[in-house]
């Protein structure tokens, strides 16, 4: 079983307080994927989270608008 980071919204995140656990989980999973793509290099947690957040929220906006 892989070690997965604890799901926390980092400082600097634009995800609103009270966001659904499902949304936060989608962002967390995407951020972890970005971490793995980088070769598990530490020190980019906020960058990964913010990129994942932007991608997930953009995808959500597209599916909501459709």
Protein backbone atom coordinates (compact mmCIF):
# COMPACT_ATOMS: atom_id res chain seq x y z
CA UNK A 1 0.00 0.00 0.00
CA UNK A 2 1.34 3.41 -0.95
CA UNK A 3 1.89 6.09 1.64
CA UNK A 4 -0.42 8.94 0.80
CA UNK A 5 -0.23 12.44 2.21
CA UNK A 6 -2.76 13.57 4.76
CA UNK A 7 -5.53 15.57 3.14
CA UNK A 8 -5.02 19.17 4.26
CA UNK A 9 -5.76 22.39 2.43
CA UNK A 10 -2.47 24.29 2.38
CA UNK A 11 -2.10 27.99 3.13
CA UNK A 12 -2.43 29.95 -0.10
CA UNK A 13 -5.11 27.66 -1.45
CA UNK A 14 -8.11 29.21 -3.16
CA UNK A 15 -10.40 26.32 -2.22
CA UNK A 16 -13.17 27.81 -0.14
CA UNK A 17 -13.67 26.79 3.48
CA UNK A 18 -16.57 24.39 3.60
CA UNK A 19 -15.70 22.78 0.26
CA UNK A 20 -17.05 19.30 -0.05
CA UNK A 21 -14.86 16.42 1.07
CA UNK A 22 -15.24 14.97 -2.43
CA UNK A 23 -13.79 18.09 -4.04
CA UNK A 24 -10.88 18.18 -1.61
CA UNK A 25 -10.22 14.49 -2.26
CA UNK A 26 -10.15 15.07 -6.04
CA UNK A 27 -7.63 17.87 -5.54
CA UNK A 28 -5.55 15.76 -3.15
CA UNK A 29 -5.43 12.83 -5.58
CA UNK A 30 -4.42 15.10 -8.47
CA UNK A 31 -1.75 16.84 -6.35
CA UNK A 32 -0.35 13.44 -5.38
CA UNK A 33 -0.27 12.48 -9.06
CA UNK A 34 1.74 15.62 -9.82
CA UNK A 35 4.12 14.72 -6.98
CA UNK A 36 4.60 11.26 -8.47
CA UNK A 37 5.13 12.68 -11.98
CA UNK A 38 7.94 14.82 -10.61
CA UNK A 39 9.64 11.69 -9.28
CA UNK A 40 8.44 12.22 -5.70
CA UNK A 41 10.65 15.24 -5.25
CA UNK A 42 9.83 16.92 -1.92
CA UNK A 43 9.36 20.65 -1.47
CA UNK A 44 6.67 21.37 -4.07
CA UNK A 45 3.59 20.62 -2.01
CA UNK A 46 1.96 24.02 -2.37
CA UNK A 47 2.77 24.24 -6.08
CA UNK A 48 1.27 20.78 -6.64
CA UNK A 49 -1.82 21.60 -4.60
CA UNK A 50 -2.45 24.90 -6.38
CA UNK A 51 -2.01 23.36 -9.82
CA UNK A 52 -4.27 20.44 -8.92
CA UNK A 53 -6.84 22.80 -7.46
CA UNK A 54 -6.89 24.91 -10.63
CA UNK A 55 -7.25 21.83 -12.83
CA UNK A 56 -10.02 20.26 -10.76
CA UNK A 57 -11.97 23.50 -10.40
CA UNK A 58 -11.62 24.22 -14.12
CA UNK A 59 -12.89 20.74 -14.99
CA UNK A 60 -15.77 21.14 -12.53
CA UNK A 61 -16.70 24.49 -14.13
CA UNK A 62 -16.71 22.90 -17.60
CA UNK A 63 -18.97 20.05 -16.54
CA UNK A 64 -21.29 22.39 -14.64
CA UNK A 65 -21.62 24.72 -17.64
CA UNK A 66 -22.35 21.87 -20.06
